Structures are given as structure tokens and as C-alpha cells.
Amino acid sequence: MSQLLPTRGGAQPKFFAPLVTIGHRAGILPQAPNCVSDGVVFVAVSDRQKTVSREASFVGPGLFSGETSTLTIGPAAPHSGITFVREQDGKVATIPALVQNVLNRPRRTCLRNGSLYVETIEHCMAALAGLNVSNAIVTVSGGLVGELPGGDGSSARFVETIEEAGLVDQDAAVEPLIVRKPVQITMDGATLAALPGPANKLEVIYDFEAPAPVGRQTVSFRLGDDDFIKNLAPARTFVFEEEARELHARGLGKHLTPKDLLVISPNGPIDNAFRFADECGRHKVLDLIGDLFLVGRPIHGRIVAYKSGHRLNHMLARKLIEQEESAHRQQLIHREAAMDIRRIQRILPHRYPMLMVDRVLEIIGDHKATGIKNVTFNDVFFQGHYPGTPIMPGVLIVEAMAQLGGLLLSTKLEHTGKLAVLLSMDKVKMRHPVVPGDQLLLEAIAVRVKSRTGHVRCKAFVEDKLACEADIKFMLVDAEPA
């Protein structure tokens, strides 16, 4: 299914200037042609996931390292997302393009799996997001540091490679992350906020400020309406003259000259020219779109930024994932339970007052379980644990998480008839008090399960607040015969 969304060609929002010109590039959705009526361009927007139809590659030096590498973009299955594959010295690492795999690096976005990295991925990610590519395998080979070829410091070369590969619809619906509540992050004079907004697109309003000749630039861009290929993809990475000298002194970007990269002096670009009057602001929006795509799917809502950079972008991506996970947990409460108390009692040997899981709301394979513990003043432990200011004992919160972990491990066929006995706890942290009337939402994710041991990462929430977290290990032993 596709839907037709109206946008006025050339029209600009009234409250910010200068703004990105709105337009559309024909041919991106060949099966869904545009329509024109009364001066309004209706752009067919597919709600199907997309991948590339075949592999396409390009070779070039990285922006920072100067090392030559080869980037290949290839097809991927529905719901697999964007995955980087790093090949180096006979080693191969698969790195999902998710914010939890980000390694902090100055001025760029880097992903890591073990000892292998892919560096400066944001322009590639922006191109994939801008062309609505839901699933792809991006292979990076050559070089020592795994930096993607940089092209001219924009997303243009990545867009060309995706277009060369071609796009195909897949038999799966796009599942966007919708901003439900305002989220704001402020650090070192920069601010980044996500707000509820358009339900079918991402709107970015970016306010950038720098010394002359750049000055203040405000850019508005609607991903899903505006022409990404024409108005955003060509915007290049920029550095100021003093920054360029500092980077050279650190051995970074020494292969580049001002003709290859946008180096800005007080008098303007050195041996170069701006592609747009507000090219710096547009590139900041480009980076932001690429970084936020690390949530693993399109974002629908409104993003407002002031001088934000990669670090804030990553922090917001994590906050949005937390918000989405919290909304999902709340939705589970109203569904039919995956395990009711009678089934729980058939698996766990615990009984009142030590049975700490009332319902299992969801079990995803043998990977993840979500459960619930209703905390009431009638719970026996409140009689003696700070009775004047009742607080649920932290050890019992951990016990509740451990019991859910045991239920998760019991779902594996080879563990039928076994009990999960607590072996060790690590990284236990109490984050928020739990009091009578709270509903404790429990989450257990299997980290590693063997024939005799299980490792589960657990969290407990009160609404959207993290109350407790711990890594829990179990010994799996044979149950006593009935």
C-alpha cells in the first residue's frame, strides 16, 4: 500500500529562514508516480520496507585516516535492518547499525564489535535513511581502521551507489518509531529535543551558529516530503581553518586539501565554494538524520536542534529507544498473558510469600521475557521493612527479576525438567524506589545459555523509570521428582 501526501512545491514554513527548498526527485518510487493538482505535488510514499536489488560498490580514502577501503551495499532480508560487515586480515565482524554498538569518537560516528570497527558511518546512514532503505548489508574491506570511503564529505557518493544498486519493495511493512513524549538533552551549550509531530514523517529544525562567515543558519527539512538527494545529500563536512590545522597536527586528514574538503577561513571557503548558502547547517541536519537512523528504523516526529553534534545525537537515539520500549511494556499490560499464575507455579517451585512474578506478559522465543509483579501494601515484607515509609526491599526486586529469568530459561526445550538456581549476580544497581501501589514491570534478556548454566540480563521498571538492573547467572539443575 502507498499513500499520497500533499506538499506545496517551493513553499517554506513561516517561522524559520533560510530554509531548505522543498522539491522531489523523480524516479525514486517508479511504481508510485507523483500527481499534481492545483499546484500541490502529491508524492507517493511507500509504507513497504525496501532493500537494494543487487550489490554496488565504490572505493576511496577515508576522511580522517586517508586509508583506502571498499564499500559494498547489498540486499538484506525484511526486518533485518542495516548491518555493517567489517573484513580485515581474515577476520569478519557483523555489526548491526544500532546505537548500542556506538563507540565514542570525536567528530564522527563509529560502530564496534569486539576488536573490529567501522568508522565515519553517518553519511552512509543518512543516505540509506534519505532513500528509505530499510534493510541492507554494508561491507567495508581494506584499510586498518575500517573507515568508510569519504567521497567529498557528503552523502552524494553513497546515494549514487544506492541508486546504482536500485531499490525494491519488500513484503513487509515499515514499522516507524513514533515520538510519543517530549525528550530533551542539553550539554555544553547545545540542545537537542524530540517532540511529537508529524505521524508519517520526520521533521528536523536545526539552528546552527558559528563565527563569520558562516554566522547563524536555520534549516528545516522534512524527510519524506523534501528532496533529500537534491537539497541535503550534497552538503559537505566542513572544518574551520584552525580546526584543520589541529587535525593535521594530530595526523588526521593529512591527505586532504581545501579543494577536497570544505575548509572555512574568516574570508570564506579556501580554494573552494559553498554549494548552498547554508551548507554548514544542512550538513548538520545530514549528520543528525544519519545518527538517528541508529535507532534501527525510521523516526516519525519533530526534532529541534541547536548546535547539536554526534554525541548528543547518539544520546537522543538512546532516549527514543527507551521511550519506545517503555510504551511497548505498557501496551503488554493490557494483552492476554503469555503465562498466568497457574502456569508459573507449574514451572517455579516458589510459593507465597516468595513467588514474586504474578504474570508473564510476553516471551519472545528463548531470548526475552517480560513479566509483572503487583506491589501492594499487603505484601508481608512491608510489615518490617521501613514500615513508616514502606519501600520494597532491593533484594526482593532482584529475586523477582531472577524468577523471570528462570522462567525464560525454562522455555528452552533442553532445559525442560530443570531448575534455574541462582549462581551469581553482577552489576546490581538500584535506580528508583518501589512502593506499595506500584506495578513492577520485569524484563529478562538471555545473554548466553549453555547446557548447565544460563546468563540473563534483567531490568525492573516502574512505568518508564528504571528501578533496578542486574546481570544474573544461574546453574541449571535437575528438578526433584514430584
Protein backbone atom coordinates (compact mmCIF):
# COMPACT_ATOMS: atom_id res chain seq x y z
CA MET A 1 0.00 0.00 0.00
CA SER A 2 1.10 3.56 -0.69
CA GLN A 3 -0.38 6.81 0.44
CA LEU A 4 -0.37 10.22 -1.23
CA LEU A 5 0.93 13.01 0.96
CA PRO A 6 0.41 16.64 -0.09
CA THR A 7 3.26 19.18 -0.06
CA ARG A 8 3.48 22.55 -1.72
CA GLY A 9 6.36 22.80 -4.13
CA GLY A 10 8.67 25.61 -3.15
CA ALA A 11 6.64 26.58 -0.09
CA GLN A 12 8.54 27.24 3.13
CA PRO A 13 7.44 27.26 6.78
CA LYS A 14 6.89 30.80 8.05
CA PHE A 15 8.85 30.69 11.27
CA PHE A 16 12.44 29.95 10.19
CA ALA A 17 14.72 31.26 7.45
CA PRO A 18 16.71 30.46 5.42
CA LEU A 19 15.06 27.09 4.80
CA VAL A 20 15.78 24.11 2.60
CA THR A 21 13.85 24.32 -0.65
CA ILE A 22 11.16 21.68 -0.92
CA GLY A 23 11.20 19.55 -4.04
CA HIS A 24 11.22 15.97 -5.25
CA ARG A 25 13.45 13.84 -7.43
CA ALA A 26 11.54 11.75 -9.95
CA GLY A 27 12.21 8.06 -10.31
CA ILE A 28 12.83 7.13 -6.70
CA LEU A 29 9.49 5.32 -6.47
CA PRO A 30 8.89 4.16 -10.05
CA GLN A 31 5.83 2.13 -9.08
CA ALA A 32 4.14 5.09 -7.41
CA PRO A 33 4.20 8.16 -9.69
CA ASN A 34 3.64 11.67 -8.42
CA CYS A 35 0.37 13.52 -9.08
CA VAL A 36 -0.18 17.26 -9.44
CA SER A 37 -3.41 19.09 -8.63
CA ASP A 38 -3.95 22.82 -8.04
CA GLY A 39 -0.23 23.41 -7.61
CA VAL A 40 0.09 20.74 -4.93
CA VAL A 41 2.56 17.93 -5.56
CA PHE A 42 1.29 14.62 -4.16
CA VAL A 43 4.24 12.35 -3.57
CA ALA A 44 3.59 8.63 -3.39
CA VAL A 45 5.19 7.35 -0.20
CA SER A 46 5.52 3.58 0.11
CA ASP A 47 4.91 2.06 3.51
CA ARG A 48 6.72 -1.12 2.48
CA GLN A 49 10.25 -1.91 3.59
CA LYS A 50 12.93 -1.54 0.93
CA THR A 51 16.30 -3.01 0.13
CA VAL A 52 18.69 -2.73 -2.80
CA SER A 53 18.18 -5.09 -5.74
CA ARG A 54 21.86 -6.02 -6.15
CA GLU A 55 25.32 -5.20 -4.83
CA ALA A 56 27.09 -1.98 -5.76
CA SER A 57 30.49 -0.72 -4.59
CA PHE A 58 32.88 2.19 -4.58
CA VAL A 59 36.47 2.65 -3.45
CA GLY A 60 38.12 5.66 -1.84
CA PRO A 61 40.09 7.07 1.08
CA GLY A 62 38.53 7.73 4.48
CA LEU A 63 38.06 11.34 5.53
CA PHE A 64 40.13 11.08 8.73
CA SER A 65 42.52 8.18 8.19
CA GLY A 66 43.16 8.56 4.46
CA GLU A 67 43.24 4.76 4.19
CA THR A 68 41.68 3.32 1.06
CA SER A 69 38.75 1.00 1.62
CA THR A 70 35.98 -0.59 -0.43
CA LEU A 71 32.34 -0.17 0.49
CA THR A 72 29.72 -2.55 -0.90
CA ILE A 73 26.00 -2.13 -0.32
CA GLY A 74 23.98 -5.32 -0.84
CA PRO A 75 20.45 -6.68 -0.30
CA ALA A 76 19.16 -7.88 3.07
CA ALA A 77 16.06 -9.69 4.29
CA PRO A 78 12.99 -7.87 5.67
CA HIS A 79 13.21 -6.78 9.31
CA SER A 80 17.00 -7.27 9.34
CA GLY A 81 17.79 -3.55 9.32
CA ILE A 82 21.14 -2.08 8.32
CA THR A 83 24.12 -4.30 9.12
CA PHE A 84 27.78 -3.46 8.62
CA VAL A 85 30.22 -6.27 7.87
CA ARG A 86 33.88 -5.47 8.56
CA GLU A 87 36.51 -7.60 6.84
CA GLN A 88 40.11 -7.26 7.98
CA ASP A 89 43.09 -9.64 7.96
CA GLY A 90 40.92 -12.72 7.57
CA LYS A 91 38.59 -11.64 10.38
CA VAL A 92 34.94 -10.83 9.79
CA ALA A 93 32.70 -8.93 12.23
CA THR A 94 28.98 -8.34 11.81
CA ILE A 95 27.92 -5.04 13.39
CA PRO A 96 24.23 -4.09 13.44
CA ALA A 97 23.81 -0.36 12.82
CA LEU A 98 22.32 0.29 16.26
CA VAL A 99 23.20 2.97 18.76
CA GLN A 100 24.12 0.40 21.43
CA ASN A 101 27.12 -0.52 19.25
CA VAL A 102 28.42 3.07 19.05
CA LEU A 103 31.93 3.77 20.30
CA ASN A 104 32.61 7.39 21.24
CA ARG A 105 34.88 9.10 18.72
CA PRO A 106 35.41 12.83 18.20
CA ARG A 107 33.73 14.41 15.16
CA ARG A 108 32.36 11.13 13.74
CA THR A 109 30.23 8.05 14.40
CA CYS A 110 31.93 4.70 14.92
CA LEU A 111 30.47 1.22 15.46
CA ARG A 112 32.33 -1.64 17.14
CA ASN A 113 32.06 -5.38 17.54
CA GLY A 114 34.93 -6.75 19.60
CA SER A 115 38.23 -5.55 18.14
CA LEU A 116 36.82 -4.55 14.73
CA TYR A 117 35.33 -1.18 13.87
CA VAL A 118 33.59 0.73 11.13
CA GLU A 119 34.29 4.45 11.24
CA THR A 120 32.54 7.57 9.91
CA ILE A 121 29.30 5.82 9.04
CA GLU A 122 26.96 8.80 9.44
CA HIS A 123 26.95 9.93 5.79
CA CYS A 124 26.21 6.40 4.59
CA MET A 125 23.45 6.04 7.19
CA ALA A 126 21.97 9.38 6.14
CA ALA A 127 21.87 8.23 2.51
CA LEU A 128 20.13 4.98 3.49
CA ALA A 129 17.60 6.89 5.61
CA GLY A 130 17.11 9.54 2.94
CA LEU A 131 16.33 6.93 0.27
CA ASN A 132 14.10 4.92 2.63
CA VAL A 133 16.32 1.83 2.63
CA SER A 134 15.09 -0.33 5.50
CA ASN A 135 17.39 -3.34 5.09
CA ALA A 136 20.92 -3.59 3.66
CA ILE A 137 24.27 -5.23 4.26
CA VAL A 138 27.13 -2.73 4.06
CA THR A 139 30.52 -4.43 3.74
CA VAL A 140 33.72 -2.48 4.46
CA SER A 141 37.01 -4.08 3.42
CA GLY A 142 40.57 -2.80 3.26
CA GLY A 143 42.45 -0.39 5.50
CA LEU A 144 43.43 -0.87 9.13
CA VAL A 145 40.83 1.23 10.92
CA GLY A 146 37.72 0.31 8.94
CA GLU A 147 36.82 3.84 7.92
CA LEU A 148 34.28 4.12 5.13
CA PRO A 149 35.42 5.87 1.95
CA GLY A 150 34.55 9.52 2.44
CA GLY A 151 33.83 10.74 -1.06
CA ASP A 152 33.63 14.53 -0.92
CA GLY A 153 32.50 14.57 2.71
CA SER A 154 28.80 14.48 1.86
CA SER A 155 26.26 11.70 1.26
CA ALA A 156 26.30 12.14 -2.52
CA ARG A 157 28.63 9.20 -3.29
CA PHE A 158 26.60 6.87 -1.10
CA VAL A 159 23.38 7.99 -2.79
CA GLU A 160 24.92 7.26 -6.20
CA THR A 161 25.90 3.76 -5.07
CA ILE A 162 22.40 3.03 -3.74
CA GLU A 163 20.87 4.30 -6.98
CA GLU A 164 23.27 2.14 -8.96
CA ALA A 165 22.13 -0.90 -6.97
CA GLY A 166 18.47 0.02 -7.41
CA LEU A 167 15.66 -0.18 -4.86
CA VAL A 168 13.00 -2.85 -4.47
CA ASP A 169 9.95 -3.06 -2.21
CA GLN A 170 9.78 -5.96 0.21
CA ASP A 171 6.83 -7.90 1.55
CA ALA A 172 6.94 -6.30 4.98
CA ALA A 173 5.53 -3.08 6.39
CA VAL A 174 7.70 -0.26 7.71
CA GLU A 175 7.43 -0.03 11.49
CA PRO A 176 8.40 3.53 12.44
CA LEU A 177 9.42 4.72 15.86
CA ILE A 178 6.87 7.41 16.70
CA VAL A 179 7.87 10.13 19.15
CA ARG A 180 5.20 9.98 21.86
CA LYS A 181 6.52 12.31 24.55
CA PRO A 182 8.94 15.27 24.51
CA VAL A 183 12.57 14.35 25.17
CA GLN A 184 15.27 16.99 25.59
CA ILE A 185 19.02 16.77 26.12
CA THR A 186 21.26 19.76 26.87
CA MET A 187 25.04 19.65 27.14
CA ASP A 188 27.86 22.19 26.74
CA GLY A 189 25.60 24.88 25.32
CA ALA A 190 23.95 22.56 22.78
CA THR A 191 20.37 21.33 22.90
CA LEU A 192 18.55 18.54 21.11
CA ALA A 193 14.87 17.70 21.54
CA ALA A 194 12.41 15.21 20.08
CA LEU A 195 8.75 16.19 20.09
CA PRO A 196 5.51 14.60 18.95
CA GLY A 197 4.85 15.87 15.46
CA PRO A 198 4.04 14.51 12.03
CA ALA A 199 2.84 10.91 12.28
CA ASN A 200 4.11 9.99 8.82
CA LYS A 201 7.49 11.67 8.51
CA LEU A 202 10.49 13.13 10.35
CA GLU A 203 10.68 16.90 10.54
CA VAL A 204 14.02 18.43 11.54
CA ILE A 205 14.53 22.06 12.52
CA TYR A 206 18.20 22.81 13.12
CA ASP A 207 19.60 26.10 14.40
CA PHE A 208 23.36 26.35 13.80
CA GLU A 209 25.62 29.17 14.86
CA ALA A 210 29.31 29.69 14.08
CA PRO A 211 31.79 32.53 13.57
CA ALA A 212 31.75 34.57 10.36
CA PRO A 213 31.44 33.98 7.51
CA VAL A 214 29.03 31.19 8.50
CA GLY A 215 27.00 33.07 11.11
CA ARG A 216 23.59 31.76 12.11
CA GLN A 217 21.86 29.25 9.84
CA THR A 218 18.44 27.71 10.46
CA VAL A 219 17.46 24.76 8.32
CA SER A 220 14.12 22.97 8.19
CA PHE A 221 13.85 19.63 6.44
CA ARG A 222 11.03 17.10 6.20
CA LEU A 223 12.31 13.62 5.49
CA GLY A 224 9.55 12.02 3.47
CA ASP A 225 8.45 15.25 1.77
CA ASP A 226 11.53 17.26 0.84
CA ASP A 227 14.08 16.28 -1.80
CA PHE A 228 16.89 14.61 0.14
CA ILE A 229 19.02 13.91 -2.94
CA LYS A 230 18.98 17.48 -4.21
CA ASN A 231 18.81 19.55 -1.04
CA LEU A 232 20.65 17.60 1.66
CA ALA A 233 22.87 14.82 0.29
CA PRO A 234 25.40 17.22 -1.38
CA ALA A 235 26.06 19.18 1.85
CA ARG A 236 29.69 18.51 2.82
CA THR A 237 31.63 18.05 6.02
CA PHE A 238 33.25 21.33 6.99
CA VAL A 239 36.04 22.43 9.28
CA PHE A 240 37.29 25.85 10.23
CA GLU A 241 40.87 26.77 9.37
CA GLU A 242 42.15 26.47 12.96
CA GLU A 243 40.44 23.09 13.35
CA ALA A 244 42.02 21.87 10.12
CA ARG A 245 45.50 22.78 11.41
CA GLU A 246 44.80 20.96 14.68
CA LEU A 247 43.58 17.84 12.87
CA HIS A 248 46.66 17.84 10.62
CA ALA A 249 48.89 18.15 13.69
CA ARG A 250 47.22 15.00 15.07
CA GLY A 251 47.84 13.17 11.80
CA LEU A 252 44.19 13.21 10.70
CA GLY A 253 43.02 14.16 7.22
CA LYS A 254 46.55 14.87 6.02
CA HIS A 255 45.70 13.51 2.56
CA LEU A 256 43.07 16.20 2.05
CA THR A 257 43.48 19.71 0.70
CA PRO A 258 40.94 22.55 0.91
CA LYS A 259 39.87 21.60 -2.61
CA ASP A 260 38.84 18.16 -1.31
CA LEU A 261 37.13 19.33 1.87
CA LEU A 262 35.25 22.46 2.90
CA VAL A 263 37.81 24.41 4.95
CA ILE A 264 36.45 27.76 6.08
CA SER A 265 38.61 30.79 6.87
CA PRO A 266 37.30 34.17 8.12
CA ASN A 267 37.12 35.18 4.47
CA GLY A 268 35.16 32.14 3.33
CA PRO A 269 35.97 28.69 1.90
CA ILE A 270 39.65 28.21 1.00
CA ASP A 271 40.15 27.17 -2.65
CA ASN A 272 36.50 26.14 -2.70
CA ALA A 273 32.93 27.48 -2.69
CA PHE A 274 29.73 26.79 -0.79
CA ARG A 275 27.22 24.61 -2.61
CA PHE A 276 24.44 26.25 -0.58
CA ALA A 277 24.41 29.49 1.34
CA ASP A 278 23.54 27.41 4.41
CA GLU A 279 25.65 24.35 3.57
CA CYS A 280 27.02 24.06 7.12
CA GLY A 281 23.55 23.93 8.62
CA ARG A 282 22.40 21.43 6.01
CA HIS A 283 25.34 19.14 6.73
CA LYS A 284 24.48 19.23 10.44
CA VAL A 285 20.96 18.04 9.53
CA LEU A 286 22.52 15.32 7.35
CA ASP A 287 24.65 14.07 10.25
CA LEU A 288 21.64 14.18 12.57
CA ILE A 289 19.49 12.09 10.22
CA GLY A 290 22.29 9.53 9.83
CA ASP A 291 22.90 9.28 13.57
CA LEU A 292 19.22 8.98 14.48
CA PHE A 293 18.77 6.14 11.98
CA LEU A 294 20.79 4.15 14.53
CA VAL A 295 17.52 3.55 16.39
CA GLY A 296 17.09 0.81 13.76
CA ARG A 297 14.04 2.15 11.95
CA PRO A 298 12.55 5.42 10.67
CA ILE A 299 11.58 8.05 13.23
CA HIS A 300 8.32 9.96 12.85
CA GLY A 301 8.00 13.19 14.79
CA ARG A 302 9.76 16.54 15.12
CA ILE A 303 13.42 17.08 16.03
CA VAL A 304 14.58 20.53 17.15
CA ALA A 305 18.33 21.07 17.47
CA TYR A 306 20.67 23.87 18.49
CA LYS A 307 24.36 23.25 17.78
CA SER A 308 23.94 19.51 18.32
CA GLY A 309 26.72 17.10 17.36
CA HIS A 310 27.28 13.37 17.21
CA ARG A 311 27.38 12.81 20.97
CA LEU A 312 24.01 14.47 21.58
CA ASN A 313 22.56 12.72 18.53
CA HIS A 314 23.53 9.33 19.98
CA MET A 315 22.15 10.25 23.40
CA LEU A 316 18.81 11.21 21.86
CA ALA A 317 18.70 7.96 19.86
CA ARG A 318 19.12 6.01 23.10
CA LYS A 319 16.40 8.05 24.83
CA LEU A 320 13.98 7.43 21.96
CA ILE A 321 14.61 3.70 22.12
CA GLU A 322 13.97 3.77 25.88
CA GLN A 323 10.72 5.66 25.28
CA GLU A 324 9.59 3.14 22.66
CA GLU A 325 10.45 0.18 24.89
CA SER A 326 8.53 1.76 27.76
CA ALA A 327 5.47 2.28 25.56
CA HIS A 328 5.70 -1.35 24.43
CA ARG A 329 5.85 -2.59 28.02
CA GLN A 330 2.79 -0.54 28.94
CA GLN A 331 0.88 -1.96 25.96
CA LEU A 332 1.69 -5.50 27.08
CA ILE A 333 -0.19 -4.98 30.35
CA HIS A 334 -3.49 -4.99 28.50
CA ARG A 335 -2.80 -8.12 26.46
CA GLU A 336 -3.58 -11.69 27.36
CA ALA A 337 -0.78 -13.11 29.49
CA ALA A 338 1.73 -15.50 27.96
CA MET A 339 1.83 -17.28 31.36
CA ASP A 340 -0.74 -16.90 34.12
CA ILE A 341 -0.02 -17.67 37.76
CA ARG A 342 -1.11 -21.31 37.45
CA ARG A 343 1.35 -21.99 34.66
CA ILE A 344 4.08 -20.10 36.53
CA GLN A 345 3.52 -22.33 39.55
CA ARG A 346 3.95 -25.43 37.37
CA ILE A 347 7.45 -24.21 36.43
CA LEU A 348 8.75 -22.43 39.54
CA PRO A 349 8.90 -24.19 42.91
CA HIS A 350 8.37 -20.89 44.81
CA ARG A 351 5.18 -20.24 46.76
CA TYR A 352 3.75 -17.37 48.80
CA PRO A 353 5.30 -15.20 50.07
CA MET A 354 8.34 -15.89 47.84
CA LEU A 355 6.65 -16.19 44.46
CA MET A 356 7.46 -12.77 43.01
CA VAL A 357 6.08 -12.95 39.45
CA ASP A 358 2.31 -12.56 39.01
CA ARG A 359 2.15 -12.82 35.22
CA VAL A 360 4.45 -13.29 32.26
CA LEU A 361 3.21 -10.80 29.67
CA GLU A 362 5.38 -11.80 26.72
CA ILE A 363 8.01 -14.38 25.81
CA ILE A 364 9.96 -13.88 22.59
CA GLY A 365 11.45 -17.25 21.69
CA ASP A 366 14.13 -18.12 24.22
CA HIS A 367 15.58 -14.62 24.02
CA LYS A 368 13.40 -12.25 26.03
CA ALA A 369 10.62 -12.31 28.63
CA THR A 370 8.55 -9.54 30.16
CA GLY A 371 6.63 -10.05 33.40
CA ILE A 372 4.82 -8.19 36.11
CA LYS A 373 4.81 -8.02 39.92
CA ASN A 374 1.95 -6.08 41.52
CA VAL A 375 3.26 -4.42 44.66
CA THR A 376 0.62 -3.98 47.37
CA PHE A 377 0.69 -2.88 50.99
CA ASN A 378 -0.49 -6.39 51.91
CA ASP A 379 2.88 -7.86 50.86
CA VAL A 380 4.31 -9.37 54.01
CA PHE A 381 7.71 -7.67 53.76
CA PHE A 382 6.21 -4.18 54.22
CA GLN A 383 5.36 -5.06 57.83
CA GLY A 384 9.01 -4.85 58.82
CA HIS A 385 10.86 -3.02 56.05
CA TYR A 386 10.68 0.71 56.79
CA PRO A 387 7.03 0.38 57.92
CA GLY A 388 6.71 4.14 58.37
CA THR A 389 7.91 4.75 54.80
CA PRO A 390 7.37 1.42 53.05
CA ILE A 391 9.88 0.57 50.33
CA MET A 392 10.18 -2.79 48.61
CA PRO A 393 13.47 -4.44 49.63
CA GLY A 394 16.02 -4.33 46.83
CA VAL A 395 16.91 -7.99 47.30
CA LEU A 396 13.30 -8.92 46.56
CA ILE A 397 13.29 -6.82 43.39
CA VAL A 398 16.38 -8.76 42.32
CA GLU A 399 14.63 -12.01 43.31
CA ALA A 400 11.65 -11.08 41.12
CA MET A 401 13.97 -10.42 38.18
CA ALA A 402 15.78 -13.69 38.81
CA GLN A 403 12.50 -15.64 38.86
CA LEU A 404 11.52 -14.15 35.50
CA GLY A 405 14.99 -15.10 34.21
CA GLY A 406 14.39 -18.66 35.40
CA LEU A 407 11.04 -18.73 33.56
CA LEU A 408 12.77 -17.52 30.39
CA LEU A 409 15.44 -20.21 30.61
CA SER A 410 12.78 -22.86 31.20
CA THR A 411 11.33 -22.20 27.73
CA LYS A 412 14.33 -23.83 26.07
CA LEU A 413 13.45 -27.40 25.24
CA GLU A 414 16.68 -28.87 26.56
CA HIS A 415 16.02 -27.30 29.97
CA THR A 416 12.61 -28.91 30.46
CA GLY A 417 12.65 -30.59 33.85
CA LYS A 418 15.48 -28.40 35.10
CA LEU A 419 15.50 -25.66 37.69
CA ALA A 420 17.42 -22.39 37.39
CA VAL A 421 19.30 -21.99 40.68
CA LEU A 422 20.97 -18.64 41.39
CA LEU A 423 24.72 -18.81 40.82
CA SER A 424 25.91 -15.20 40.88
CA MET A 425 24.84 -11.58 40.50
CA ASP A 426 26.84 -8.78 38.93
CA LYS A 427 26.34 -5.09 38.12
CA VAL A 428 23.39 -4.86 40.51
CA LYS A 429 22.12 -1.29 40.75
CA MET A 430 19.08 0.15 42.48
CA ARG A 431 17.84 3.11 40.48
CA HIS A 432 14.38 4.02 41.80
CA PRO A 433 12.35 3.14 44.92
CA VAL A 434 9.41 0.76 44.62
CA VAL A 435 6.48 1.45 46.93
CA PRO A 436 3.01 -0.01 47.58
CA GLY A 437 0.69 0.57 44.64
CA ASP A 438 3.48 0.33 42.07
CA GLN A 439 3.35 -2.15 39.23
CA LEU A 440 6.81 -3.60 38.73
CA LEU A 441 7.48 -4.42 35.09
CA LEU A 442 10.22 -7.04 34.81
CA GLU A 443 12.40 -7.73 31.78
CA ALA A 444 14.88 -10.58 31.23
CA ILE A 445 17.10 -10.97 28.17
CA ALA A 446 19.20 -14.11 27.65
CA VAL A 447 22.88 -13.28 27.15
CA ARG A 448 24.33 -16.80 26.99
CA VAL A 449 22.78 -20.17 27.73
CA LYS A 450 24.68 -23.47 27.91
CA SER A 451 23.65 -26.95 28.95
CA ARG A 452 24.36 -26.30 32.62
CA THR A 453 24.48 -22.51 33.02
CA GLY A 454 22.49 -19.50 31.96
CA HIS A 455 23.34 -15.79 31.90
CA VAL A 456 20.44 -13.31 31.87
CA ARG A 457 20.45 -9.51 31.84
CA CYS A 458 17.50 -8.19 33.84
CA LYS A 459 15.77 -4.87 34.45
CA ALA A 460 12.81 -3.77 36.53
CA PHE A 461 10.73 -0.66 35.77
CA VAL A 462 8.03 1.40 37.43
CA GLU A 463 6.20 2.94 34.46
CA ASP A 464 9.05 4.44 32.41
CA LYS A 465 11.53 4.69 35.31
CA LEU A 466 14.29 2.11 35.67
CA ALA A 467 14.06 0.77 39.23
CA CYS A 468 16.76 -1.92 39.23
CA GLU A 469 19.11 -3.77 36.89
CA ALA A 470 21.43 -6.75 37.25
CA ASP A 471 23.33 -9.43 35.37
CA ILE A 472 22.25 -12.78 36.85
CA LYS A 473 23.80 -16.19 36.28
CA PHE A 474 22.12 -19.50 37.01
CA MET A 475 23.11 -23.11 37.42
CA LEU A 476 20.61 -25.37 35.67
CA VAL A 477 19.99 -28.43 37.80
CA ASP A 478 17.63 -31.40 37.59
CA ALA A 479 14.37 -30.80 39.42
CA GLU A 480 13.47 -33.05 42.32
CA PRO A 481 10.94 -35.70 41.28
CA ALA A 482 7.38 -34.90 42.34
